[in-house]
Amino acid sequence: MKKRIISLMVAATLLCLSGCTRPLVEEKKEDPPELPAAHVGWTAPDGDYFSGEPGLWTLYLPGKNGLNLVAQHIQSIPGILKAEELTAITRELLSFPGNQQVDSLGGETALSLAAENPVELSGGVVTVNLASSALGLGYRGFYTLSLALASTLCEMESIRCVNVLVAGQSVGLDTSGSLAMGSLTAHPGENLPVLWEQMEAKRTPVGADPTTTPLTSYMTLYYPLENGQGITCENRTLTFPGQSAAQMAATILENLSQGSTYLTGVPDMPDLTGMMTHEPLTSELTDGGRMITLSFRDGADNEWAAMGVDPSCLAAAICYSLTTFIPGVAGISIRIGERPMTSLQNRKVGEIPALGGLLRRSMMTPFLMGRTTVYYTRDGKLAPVEKTVDRERSDSPRAQLAALMEGPGEREQREGLAATMPENVGEEDILGIAVEGDTILVNLSESFRSEIQEWGEAGETLLCYSMVNTLCYNNGAKRVCFFYEGEQVEYIAGRIYWAGVFDYNTGLCEESFG
């Protein structure tokens, strides 16, 4: 009897245990546990805006002792894009009055920006175009001005160097007008007399032939982009056999022919020097400045197109490379066989006529594109890739997110990169995007949310963090907050909790980056 009672008790215990364990097995199939609603403290942006507290800009001006550049701080203008900020800070620098610590840059010369294309930004390179009054400073004064511009603008994030033009032309720093200054980097605190002596040492001696004086200089090279999308740039240190305009042009073409060293989205370059029928020729223009004529064999433009190089983009890249560096060059002429290129045809830019075959730098501005970094996926990891965007929108979070949505190009796909989001999403799905301090707010459409559901749980994490990392990397933000049709959503395709904020995450990136 006693054994029977014990057996019944064991059976009852086992039955209870089996009842307790059954819900644990089924729990894996249930929806994710509900979390307390996130309270982010922001409302979803309707349209785009940028807010923030005023900060400080650092201006560099020549100190009273004349030995170095001295920092001066002024209040910044919040809520503007980088292109506007660059122009604003340049104007502040040019007009900054002298005080007990620094001298003004112009002295008695009133400095200002040129009316046309005053400040350009592309790929971390800023080109400042000054009004012609800057020529009244003299060589050393102009060089000091240029160093001040470079040191000031390179203080800004992602700016690596500065080119300085006057009325659209590079300025020679010697009496013959042949010494090119090149692209400048920041020199705060360095000895100004020593820097000037180093530049003077590159001059052609008085009475000597400039063609016999070698020159090594840091400069900006411009390259055509794939599919006729425009031009972009990189920097390189080149050595020229002499300082004549023809020698400089030949060396630049030779280096362009070698292709880019680190840019993405640039096609393989043709052998430009091998296609030329004779050396570059230099001639004077009646309205000032010089023109360089480049003559290529008949059918060269068709050969470029067959290689995947848009002829109009290549012409723009050559024009920008030569006029940005070679002193006094106002434009170029490109001849194909016996005919000059009298117009540039491009499906993106349209038609640009070139009267008399003269291609001026100012005409090529529509071709100049900006660059931004987006995150695609490769082998289950996020990989940063540089993409082309409109130059004036390169620092726009909307443009950055739209570039990510476009997905990788053919070359990028060959490199194993894949899109992180569906093809059906696009810029129209961005209802609003705003910057609040170090946080970016993104308001997306209901269609976008539906596409994430279709995309599935497997790709949801990379989809989410490709947006987060793209926005944080390009804007210096720390986190991103998402809304859908103005509301925060907790779950979409799987177990990611979308409410609240997402921090910049390098843990999901390839080892070489993260």
Protein backbone atom coordinates (compact mmCIF):
# COMPACT_ATOMS: atom_id res chain seq x y z
CA MET A 1 0.00 0.00 0.00
CA LYS A 2 2.83 2.31 0.92
CA LYS A 3 4.57 1.58 -2.42
CA ARG A 4 1.32 2.35 -4.29
CA ILE A 5 1.01 5.76 -2.64
CA ILE A 6 4.63 6.57 -3.55
CA SER A 7 4.05 5.51 -7.19
CA LEU A 8 0.99 7.74 -7.46
CA MET A 9 2.95 10.68 -6.07
CA VAL A 10 5.80 10.16 -8.59
CA ALA A 11 3.32 9.96 -11.47
CA ALA A 12 1.63 13.15 -10.38
CA THR A 13 4.97 14.88 -10.11
CA LEU A 14 6.01 13.83 -13.63
CA LEU A 15 2.67 14.99 -15.02
CA CYS A 16 3.18 18.39 -13.43
CA LEU A 17 6.73 18.63 -14.78
CA SER A 18 5.62 17.76 -18.29
CA GLY A 19 2.98 20.46 -18.08
CA CYS A 20 5.58 23.02 -17.00
CA THR A 21 8.01 22.23 -19.76
CA ARG A 22 5.53 22.36 -22.64
CA PRO A 23 5.19 26.18 -22.68
CA LEU A 24 8.99 26.53 -22.69
CA VAL A 25 9.17 24.64 -25.99
CA GLU A 26 6.37 26.67 -27.54
CA GLU A 27 7.84 29.97 -26.32
CA LYS A 28 10.37 29.99 -29.16
CA LYS A 29 7.51 30.36 -31.63
CA GLU A 30 5.85 33.24 -29.84
CA ASP A 31 6.29 36.87 -30.79
CA PRO A 32 9.24 38.65 -29.17
CA PRO A 33 8.52 39.79 -25.62
CA GLU A 34 7.10 43.26 -25.35
CA LEU A 35 9.45 45.93 -24.06
CA PRO A 36 8.45 49.19 -22.43
CA ALA A 37 7.65 51.82 -25.03
CA ALA A 38 10.71 53.92 -25.84
CA HIS A 39 10.49 57.63 -25.11
CA VAL A 40 13.04 59.33 -27.34
CA GLY A 41 12.00 62.91 -26.67
CA TRP A 42 11.93 63.90 -30.36
CA THR A 43 9.15 64.16 -32.87
CA ALA A 44 9.45 62.71 -36.35
CA PRO A 45 10.83 65.24 -38.86
CA ASP A 46 8.47 66.41 -41.56
CA GLY A 47 10.96 67.53 -44.20
CA ASP A 48 14.67 68.14 -43.64
CA TYR A 49 16.28 70.46 -41.12
CA PHE A 50 19.49 70.84 -39.12
CA SER A 51 19.66 72.24 -35.64
CA GLY A 52 22.32 72.62 -33.03
CA GLU A 53 23.95 75.01 -30.63
CA PRO A 54 26.37 77.61 -32.00
CA GLY A 55 29.96 76.52 -31.70
CA LEU A 56 33.28 78.08 -32.61
CA TRP A 57 35.15 78.43 -35.87
CA THR A 58 38.93 78.62 -35.78
CA LEU A 59 40.50 81.18 -38.11
CA TYR A 60 44.25 81.30 -38.75
CA LEU A 61 45.84 84.67 -39.43
CA PRO A 62 49.47 85.89 -39.46
CA GLY A 63 50.65 86.76 -35.98
CA LYS A 64 52.02 90.18 -35.12
CA ASN A 65 55.54 88.76 -34.97
CA GLY A 66 55.25 87.56 -38.58
CA LEU A 67 56.57 84.13 -37.63
CA ASN A 68 53.49 81.95 -37.68
CA LEU A 69 49.75 81.73 -38.07
CA VAL A 70 47.78 82.40 -34.88
CA ALA A 71 44.34 80.97 -34.12
CA GLN A 72 41.39 83.28 -33.59
CA HIS A 73 37.96 81.96 -32.58
CA ILE A 74 34.59 83.28 -33.70
CA GLN A 75 31.06 82.01 -33.23
CA SER A 76 29.92 79.56 -35.88
CA ILE A 77 26.61 79.52 -37.73
CA PRO A 78 24.58 76.43 -36.78
CA GLY A 79 22.15 74.59 -39.02
CA ILE A 80 23.94 74.91 -42.37
CA LEU A 81 25.46 72.33 -44.69
CA LYS A 82 29.22 72.05 -45.13
CA ALA A 83 29.28 73.78 -48.51
CA GLU A 84 27.57 76.83 -46.99
CA GLU A 85 29.81 76.62 -43.93
CA LEU A 86 32.97 76.65 -46.05
CA THR A 87 31.86 79.79 -47.86
CA ALA A 88 30.82 81.50 -44.63
CA ILE A 89 34.06 80.75 -42.78
CA THR A 90 36.13 81.86 -45.82
CA ARG A 91 34.35 85.21 -45.90
CA GLU A 92 34.95 85.63 -42.17
CA LEU A 93 38.65 84.92 -42.61
CA LEU A 94 39.07 87.37 -45.49
CA SER A 95 37.33 90.18 -43.63
CA PHE A 96 38.75 89.53 -40.14
CA PRO A 97 40.30 92.78 -38.83
CA GLY A 98 43.68 92.92 -37.19
CA ASN A 99 43.95 93.03 -33.42
CA GLN A 100 46.68 92.88 -30.76
CA GLN A 101 47.51 89.28 -31.72
CA VAL A 102 47.12 89.08 -35.51
CA ASP A 103 47.28 91.13 -38.68
CA SER A 104 44.48 91.10 -41.22
CA LEU A 105 45.23 89.07 -44.33
CA GLY A 106 44.81 91.83 -46.86
CA GLY A 107 46.22 94.83 -45.02
CA GLU A 108 45.17 97.76 -47.16
CA THR A 109 43.99 95.38 -49.89
CA ALA A 110 40.30 94.53 -49.68
CA LEU A 111 39.95 90.78 -50.18
CA SER A 112 36.80 89.05 -51.37
CA LEU A 113 35.59 85.94 -53.13
CA ALA A 114 35.04 85.84 -56.88
CA ALA A 115 31.45 86.12 -58.02
CA GLU A 116 31.58 82.83 -59.91
CA ASN A 117 32.21 79.48 -58.17
CA PRO A 118 33.77 81.09 -55.08
CA VAL A 119 34.16 77.90 -52.99
CA GLU A 120 34.04 74.36 -54.39
CA LEU A 121 34.08 71.15 -52.37
CA SER A 122 34.66 67.73 -53.89
CA GLY A 123 36.12 64.64 -52.30
CA GLY A 124 37.74 66.44 -49.38
CA VAL A 125 39.33 69.07 -51.66
CA VAL A 126 38.31 72.73 -51.35
CA THR A 127 39.04 75.18 -54.16
CA VAL A 128 38.74 78.86 -53.23
CA ASN A 129 38.31 81.33 -56.09
CA LEU A 130 39.31 84.84 -55.00
CA ALA A 131 38.51 88.14 -56.68
CA SER A 132 41.31 89.74 -58.70
CA SER A 133 42.15 92.20 -55.88
CA ALA A 134 44.18 89.37 -54.25
CA LEU A 135 46.86 89.89 -56.90
CA GLY A 136 47.79 93.16 -55.20
CA LEU A 137 49.32 91.31 -52.23
CA GLY A 138 52.61 90.35 -53.85
CA TYR A 139 54.00 86.82 -53.99
CA ARG A 140 54.83 86.38 -50.32
CA GLY A 141 51.60 88.00 -49.15
CA PHE A 142 49.55 85.83 -51.48
CA TYR A 143 51.34 82.70 -50.27
CA THR A 144 50.65 83.65 -46.64
CA LEU A 145 47.00 84.24 -47.53
CA SER A 146 46.82 80.81 -49.15
CA LEU A 147 48.41 79.14 -46.11
CA ALA A 148 45.87 80.87 -43.87
CA LEU A 149 43.02 79.61 -46.05
CA ALA A 150 44.38 76.05 -46.03
CA SER A 151 44.99 76.00 -42.27
CA THR A 152 41.54 77.40 -41.54
CA LEU A 153 39.54 75.18 -43.89
CA CYS A 154 41.48 72.00 -43.08
CA GLU A 155 40.33 72.44 -39.47
CA MET A 156 36.96 71.23 -40.70
CA GLU A 157 36.29 67.52 -40.65
CA SER A 158 37.12 65.57 -43.86
CA ILE A 159 38.90 68.51 -45.59
CA ARG A 160 42.39 67.38 -46.61
CA CYS A 161 43.72 70.20 -48.80
CA VAL A 162 42.94 73.53 -50.45
CA ASN A 163 43.55 75.01 -53.90
CA VAL A 164 43.56 78.79 -54.29
CA LEU A 165 42.69 80.52 -57.57
CA VAL A 166 42.26 84.15 -58.52
CA ALA A 167 39.57 84.96 -61.09
CA GLY A 168 39.48 81.28 -62.04
CA GLN A 169 43.22 80.88 -62.60
CA SER A 170 46.14 79.46 -60.65
CA VAL A 171 48.72 82.07 -59.63
CA GLY A 172 52.46 81.77 -60.33
CA LEU A 173 54.70 82.73 -57.42
CA ASP A 174 57.58 84.20 -59.43
CA THR A 175 58.18 86.97 -61.94
CA SER A 176 57.91 84.59 -64.89
CA GLY A 177 54.55 83.34 -63.61
CA SER A 178 55.64 79.73 -63.88
CA LEU A 179 56.06 78.58 -60.25
CA ALA A 180 52.93 76.62 -59.34
CA MET A 181 51.84 76.64 -55.70
CA GLY A 182 49.89 73.38 -55.88
CA SER A 183 47.44 72.04 -53.30
CA LEU A 184 48.06 73.20 -49.74
CA THR A 185 47.56 71.40 -46.45
CA ALA A 186 47.31 72.91 -42.97
CA HIS A 187 50.40 74.62 -41.48
CA PRO A 188 49.26 76.07 -38.16
CA GLY A 189 52.14 76.94 -35.88
CA GLU A 190 54.83 76.41 -38.53
CA ASN A 191 57.41 79.09 -39.24
CA LEU A 192 56.11 81.30 -42.06
CA PRO A 193 59.53 82.65 -43.18
CA VAL A 194 60.84 79.09 -43.44
CA LEU A 195 57.81 77.97 -45.46
CA TRP A 196 58.29 80.89 -47.82
CA GLU A 197 62.00 80.12 -48.22
CA GLN A 198 61.11 76.54 -49.14
CA MET A 199 58.72 77.81 -51.81
CA GLU A 200 61.25 80.36 -53.10
CA ALA A 201 63.84 77.60 -53.46
CA LYS A 202 61.66 76.07 -56.18
CA ARG A 203 61.82 79.19 -58.34
CA THR A 204 63.66 79.31 -61.63
CA PRO A 205 66.85 81.37 -61.07
CA VAL A 206 66.83 84.83 -62.62
CA GLY A 207 67.87 84.62 -66.28
CA ALA A 208 67.52 80.82 -66.38
CA ASP A 209 65.15 78.83 -68.58
CA PRO A 210 62.04 77.56 -66.67
CA THR A 211 62.11 74.40 -68.79
CA THR A 212 65.34 73.37 -67.06
CA THR A 213 64.09 73.82 -63.50
CA PRO A 214 62.40 70.69 -62.11
CA LEU A 215 59.46 71.00 -59.73
CA THR A 216 57.94 68.58 -57.23
CA SER A 217 54.51 69.56 -56.01
CA TYR A 218 51.41 68.19 -54.28
CA MET A 219 48.45 68.67 -56.59
CA THR A 220 44.87 67.67 -57.38
CA LEU A 221 44.13 65.34 -60.29
CA TYR A 222 40.61 65.03 -61.65
CA TYR A 223 39.24 61.83 -63.18
CA PRO A 224 36.11 60.97 -65.18
CA LEU A 225 33.53 58.82 -63.44
CA GLU A 226 31.92 55.69 -64.87
CA ASN A 227 28.79 55.98 -67.02
CA GLY A 228 29.28 59.68 -67.73
CA GLN A 229 28.39 60.67 -64.16
CA GLY A 230 30.87 63.55 -63.98
CA ILE A 231 34.34 63.98 -62.51
CA THR A 232 35.97 63.52 -59.11
CA CYS A 233 39.44 64.08 -57.71
CA GLU A 234 42.35 62.71 -55.74
CA ASN A 235 45.68 64.19 -54.65
CA ARG A 236 49.15 63.12 -55.64
CA THR A 237 52.71 64.42 -55.47
CA LEU A 238 54.13 64.81 -58.99
CA THR A 239 57.60 65.68 -60.26
CA PHE A 240 57.81 67.84 -63.40
CA PRO A 241 60.97 67.98 -65.57
CA GLY A 242 60.51 71.73 -66.00
CA GLN A 243 58.17 74.59 -65.17
CA SER A 244 56.80 75.49 -68.59
CA ALA A 245 53.06 75.11 -69.06
CA ALA A 246 53.63 72.53 -71.82
CA GLN A 247 55.86 70.38 -69.59
CA MET A 248 53.37 70.51 -66.74
CA ALA A 249 50.49 69.61 -69.05
CA ALA A 250 52.38 66.64 -70.49
CA THR A 251 53.27 65.30 -67.04
CA ILE A 252 49.68 65.68 -65.81
CA LEU A 253 48.34 63.80 -68.85
CA GLU A 254 50.88 61.05 -68.29
CA ASN A 255 49.75 60.61 -64.70
CA LEU A 256 46.07 60.74 -65.63
CA SER A 257 46.76 57.92 -68.10
CA GLN A 258 48.01 55.75 -65.23
CA GLY A 259 44.58 55.89 -63.61
CA SER A 260 43.46 56.65 -60.11
CA THR A 261 45.34 55.24 -57.14
CA TYR A 262 42.44 54.98 -54.71
CA LEU A 263 39.17 56.31 -56.17
CA THR A 264 36.19 54.02 -56.77
CA GLY A 265 33.75 54.38 -59.65
CA VAL A 266 36.49 55.52 -62.05
CA PRO A 267 37.00 53.61 -65.33
CA ASP A 268 40.33 52.41 -66.66
CA MET A 269 42.03 55.35 -68.33
CA PRO A 270 43.25 55.49 -71.94
CA ASP A 271 46.88 56.21 -72.80
CA LEU A 272 46.42 59.93 -73.37
CA THR A 273 50.07 60.68 -74.09
CA GLY A 274 50.25 57.82 -76.59
CA MET A 275 47.22 59.20 -78.42
CA MET A 276 48.65 62.72 -78.79
CA THR A 277 49.93 63.75 -82.20
CA HIS A 278 52.36 66.33 -80.77
CA GLU A 279 53.36 68.03 -77.54
CA PRO A 280 50.94 70.44 -75.80
CA LEU A 281 51.00 73.97 -77.21
CA THR A 282 50.55 77.19 -75.23
CA SER A 283 49.06 80.40 -76.64
CA GLU A 284 47.95 83.73 -75.21
CA LEU A 285 44.27 84.68 -75.07
CA THR A 286 43.19 88.18 -76.03
CA ASP A 287 41.13 88.62 -72.84
CA GLY A 288 43.94 87.48 -70.53
CA GLY A 289 45.42 84.20 -69.51
CA ARG A 290 46.75 81.36 -71.61
CA MET A 291 45.24 78.44 -73.47
CA ILE A 292 46.80 74.98 -73.75
CA THR A 293 45.99 73.05 -76.92
CA LEU A 294 46.00 69.26 -76.78
CA SER A 295 45.90 67.40 -80.09
CA PHE A 296 44.84 63.74 -80.22
CA ARG A 297 44.74 61.40 -83.16
CA ASP A 298 41.64 61.11 -85.30
CA GLY A 299 38.97 58.94 -83.67
CA ALA A 300 40.48 59.23 -80.17
CA ASP A 301 37.13 60.24 -78.70
CA ASN A 302 35.54 57.08 -80.12
CA GLU A 303 38.34 55.02 -78.58
CA TRP A 304 37.67 56.65 -75.21
CA ALA A 305 33.97 55.84 -75.45
CA ALA A 306 34.73 52.22 -76.41
CA MET A 307 36.79 51.93 -73.21
CA GLY A 308 33.85 53.15 -71.12
CA VAL A 309 35.25 56.67 -70.71
CA ASP A 310 32.75 59.42 -71.51
CA PRO A 311 34.58 61.94 -73.78
CA SER A 312 32.86 64.96 -72.24
CA CYS A 313 33.77 63.85 -68.70
CA LEU A 314 37.35 63.19 -69.76
CA ALA A 315 37.57 66.67 -71.32
CA ALA A 316 36.21 68.18 -68.08
CA ALA A 317 38.71 66.18 -65.99
CA ILE A 318 41.65 67.31 -68.13
CA CYS A 319 40.47 70.93 -68.05
CA TYR A 320 40.10 70.92 -64.26
CA SER A 321 43.46 69.19 -63.70
CA LEU A 322 45.38 71.64 -65.87
CA THR A 323 43.68 74.91 -64.92
CA THR A 324 43.69 74.18 -61.17
CA PHE A 325 47.46 73.66 -61.12
CA ILE A 326 49.23 75.38 -64.04
CA PRO A 327 49.63 79.14 -63.41
CA GLY A 328 47.85 81.55 -65.71
CA VAL A 329 45.94 78.93 -67.72
CA ALA A 330 42.40 80.13 -68.37
CA GLY A 331 41.29 77.17 -70.47
CA ILE A 332 42.20 74.39 -72.84
CA SER A 333 41.42 73.35 -76.38
CA ILE A 334 41.10 69.67 -77.32
CA ARG A 335 41.51 68.71 -80.96
CA ILE A 336 40.52 65.31 -82.33
CA GLY A 337 42.31 64.95 -85.63
CA GLU A 338 41.74 68.23 -87.43
CA ARG A 339 38.62 69.30 -85.55
CA PRO A 340 38.39 71.04 -82.16
CA MET A 341 35.80 69.97 -79.59
CA THR A 342 33.31 72.81 -79.88
CA SER A 343 30.72 71.33 -77.54
CA LEU A 344 30.46 68.70 -74.83
CA GLN A 345 27.52 66.31 -74.91
CA ASN A 346 26.63 64.54 -71.68
CA ARG A 347 23.34 62.84 -70.77
CA LYS A 348 23.49 64.10 -67.20
CA VAL A 349 24.86 67.62 -67.70
CA GLY A 350 23.39 68.23 -71.15
CA GLU A 351 25.16 70.17 -73.89
CA ILE A 352 27.90 72.68 -73.08
CA PRO A 353 28.98 74.77 -76.08
CA ALA A 354 32.64 75.78 -76.33
CA LEU A 355 32.92 78.80 -78.61
CA GLY A 356 36.09 78.63 -80.67
CA GLY A 357 36.89 75.32 -79.01
CA LEU A 358 37.95 77.00 -75.73
CA LEU A 359 37.03 74.96 -72.66
CA ARG A 360 37.17 77.17 -69.58
CA ARG A 361 37.25 75.85 -66.02
CA SER A 362 34.02 77.66 -65.11
CA MET A 363 32.18 75.80 -67.88
CA MET A 364 33.17 72.44 -66.39
CA THR A 365 31.69 73.06 -62.92
CA PRO A 366 28.47 71.05 -63.60
CA PHE A 367 30.64 67.95 -64.08
CA LEU A 368 32.26 68.20 -60.63
CA MET A 369 30.71 65.67 -58.25
CA GLY A 370 30.96 65.04 -54.54
CA ARG A 371 31.74 61.81 -52.69
CA THR A 372 30.10 60.16 -49.72
CA THR A 373 30.65 56.88 -47.88
CA VAL A 374 27.91 54.24 -47.76
CA TYR A 375 27.86 50.77 -46.22
CA TYR A 376 27.07 47.74 -48.37
CA THR A 377 27.45 44.12 -47.33
CA ARG A 378 30.05 41.52 -48.22
CA ASP A 379 30.18 38.00 -46.74
CA GLY A 380 27.74 38.91 -44.01
CA LYS A 381 29.64 42.04 -42.92
CA LEU A 382 29.22 45.75 -43.62
CA ALA A 383 31.81 47.31 -45.93
CA PRO A 384 32.31 51.08 -46.46
CA VAL A 385 32.34 52.24 -50.09
CA GLU A 386 32.73 55.71 -51.59
CA LYS A 387 29.83 56.74 -53.83
CA THR A 388 29.30 59.68 -56.14
CA VAL A 389 26.67 62.28 -55.24
CA ASP A 390 25.87 65.78 -56.39
CA ARG A 391 28.63 68.07 -55.12
CA GLU A 392 26.28 70.54 -53.46
CA ARG A 393 24.49 67.71 -51.63
CA SER A 394 27.49 65.62 -50.59
CA ASP A 395 27.04 66.49 -46.91
CA SER A 396 23.25 66.09 -46.98
CA PRO A 397 22.02 63.11 -44.93
CA ARG A 398 19.19 62.67 -47.42
CA ALA A 399 21.62 62.39 -50.34
CA GLN A 400 23.78 59.95 -48.38
CA LEU A 401 20.84 57.70 -47.58
CA ALA A 402 19.61 57.91 -51.20
CA ALA A 403 23.07 56.85 -52.42
CA LEU A 404 22.92 53.83 -50.11
CA MET A 405 19.50 52.91 -51.48
CA GLU A 406 20.85 52.89 -55.05
CA GLY A 407 22.93 49.82 -54.26
CA PRO A 408 26.37 48.88 -55.58
CA GLY A 409 27.40 49.41 -59.20
CA GLU A 410 28.70 46.75 -61.58
CA ARG A 411 32.34 47.09 -60.50
CA GLU A 412 31.38 46.99 -56.83
CA GLN A 413 29.30 43.87 -57.41
CA ARG A 414 32.30 42.23 -59.04
CA GLU A 415 34.18 43.00 -55.84
CA GLY A 416 31.64 40.97 -53.88
CA LEU A 417 29.56 43.86 -52.55
CA ALA A 418 25.79 43.51 -52.31
CA ALA A 419 22.89 45.81 -51.48
CA THR A 420 21.65 45.96 -47.91
CA MET A 421 18.07 46.87 -48.82
CA PRO A 422 15.40 46.07 -51.43
CA GLU A 423 15.42 47.59 -54.91
CA ASN A 424 11.97 49.11 -54.44
CA VAL A 425 13.03 51.69 -51.83
CA GLY A 426 14.27 55.11 -52.88
CA GLU A 427 14.66 58.73 -51.87
CA GLU A 428 10.90 59.26 -52.10
CA ASP A 429 10.58 56.98 -49.05
CA ILE A 430 12.49 59.49 -46.91
CA LEU A 431 9.69 61.65 -45.52
CA GLY A 432 12.00 63.74 -43.42
CA ILE A 433 15.50 63.72 -41.96
CA ALA A 434 16.91 65.99 -39.30
CA VAL A 435 20.07 66.47 -37.26
CA GLU A 436 19.55 67.14 -33.56
CA GLY A 437 22.93 67.55 -31.91
CA ASP A 438 24.72 64.21 -32.27
CA THR A 439 21.55 62.33 -33.23
CA ILE A 440 20.01 61.97 -36.70
CA LEU A 441 16.23 61.53 -36.94
CA VAL A 442 14.89 59.65 -39.95
CA ASN A 443 11.21 59.50 -40.87
CA LEU A 444 10.51 56.74 -43.43
CA SER A 445 7.40 55.75 -45.33
CA GLU A 446 5.01 52.91 -44.64
CA SER A 447 6.12 51.44 -47.97
CA PHE A 448 9.67 51.28 -46.64
CA ARG A 449 8.46 49.44 -43.53
CA SER A 450 6.58 46.96 -45.73
CA GLU A 451 9.69 46.37 -47.80
CA ILE A 452 11.66 45.57 -44.64
CA GLN A 453 9.01 42.98 -43.78
CA GLU A 454 9.41 41.41 -47.22
CA TRP A 455 13.21 41.63 -46.94
CA GLY A 456 13.00 39.36 -43.93
CA GLU A 457 14.61 38.82 -40.57
CA ALA A 458 17.88 37.49 -42.03
CA GLY A 459 18.80 40.80 -43.68
CA GLU A 460 17.11 43.19 -41.25
CA THR A 461 20.15 43.78 -39.03
CA LEU A 462 22.48 44.70 -41.89
CA LEU A 463 19.75 46.83 -43.48
CA CYS A 464 19.30 48.78 -40.26
CA TYR A 465 22.97 49.32 -39.46
CA SER A 466 23.92 50.14 -43.04
CA MET A 467 21.70 53.20 -42.63
CA VAL A 468 22.97 53.95 -39.12
CA ASN A 469 26.66 53.68 -40.05
CA THR A 470 26.26 55.60 -43.31
CA LEU A 471 24.61 58.53 -41.56
CA CYS A 472 26.91 58.55 -38.53
CA TYR A 473 30.14 58.18 -40.52
CA ASN A 474 29.41 61.07 -42.87
CA ASN A 475 27.95 63.50 -40.36
CA GLY A 476 29.93 62.92 -37.19
CA ALA A 477 26.77 61.75 -35.41
CA LYS A 478 26.70 59.10 -32.68
CA ARG A 479 23.24 57.61 -33.12
CA VAL A 480 20.16 57.40 -35.34
CA CYS A 481 16.48 57.35 -34.41
CA PHE A 482 13.92 55.92 -36.87
CA PHE A 483 10.26 56.76 -37.38
CA TYR A 484 7.75 55.31 -39.83
CA GLU A 485 5.01 57.66 -41.00
CA GLY A 486 5.78 59.80 -37.97
CA GLU A 487 5.65 57.04 -35.36
CA GLN A 488 8.23 54.80 -33.78
CA VAL A 489 7.73 51.10 -34.53
CA GLU A 490 8.85 48.33 -32.21
CA TYR A 491 9.20 45.29 -34.51
CA ILE A 492 9.10 44.94 -38.29
CA ALA A 493 10.64 41.77 -39.73
CA GLY A 494 12.13 39.94 -36.78
CA ARG A 495 13.65 40.48 -33.40
CA ILE A 496 15.23 43.93 -33.95
CA TYR A 497 13.64 46.47 -31.64
CA TRP A 498 13.34 49.57 -33.84
CA ALA A 499 12.08 51.97 -31.17
CA GLY A 500 14.61 54.10 -29.32
CA VAL A 501 17.99 54.90 -30.89
CA PHE A 502 20.76 52.96 -32.68
CA ASP A 503 24.43 53.67 -32.00
CA TYR A 504 27.15 53.76 -34.65
CA ASN A 505 28.33 50.14 -34.87
CA THR A 506 31.69 49.03 -36.27
CA GLY A 507 31.31 45.56 -34.79
CA LEU A 508 29.31 44.52 -37.85
CA CYS A 509 31.98 45.82 -40.25
CA GLU A 510 34.74 43.97 -42.04
CA GLU A 511 37.81 43.46 -39.87
CA SER A 512 39.90 45.78 -42.04
CA PHE A 513 37.57 48.62 -41.10
CA GLY A 514 35.76 47.76 -37.91
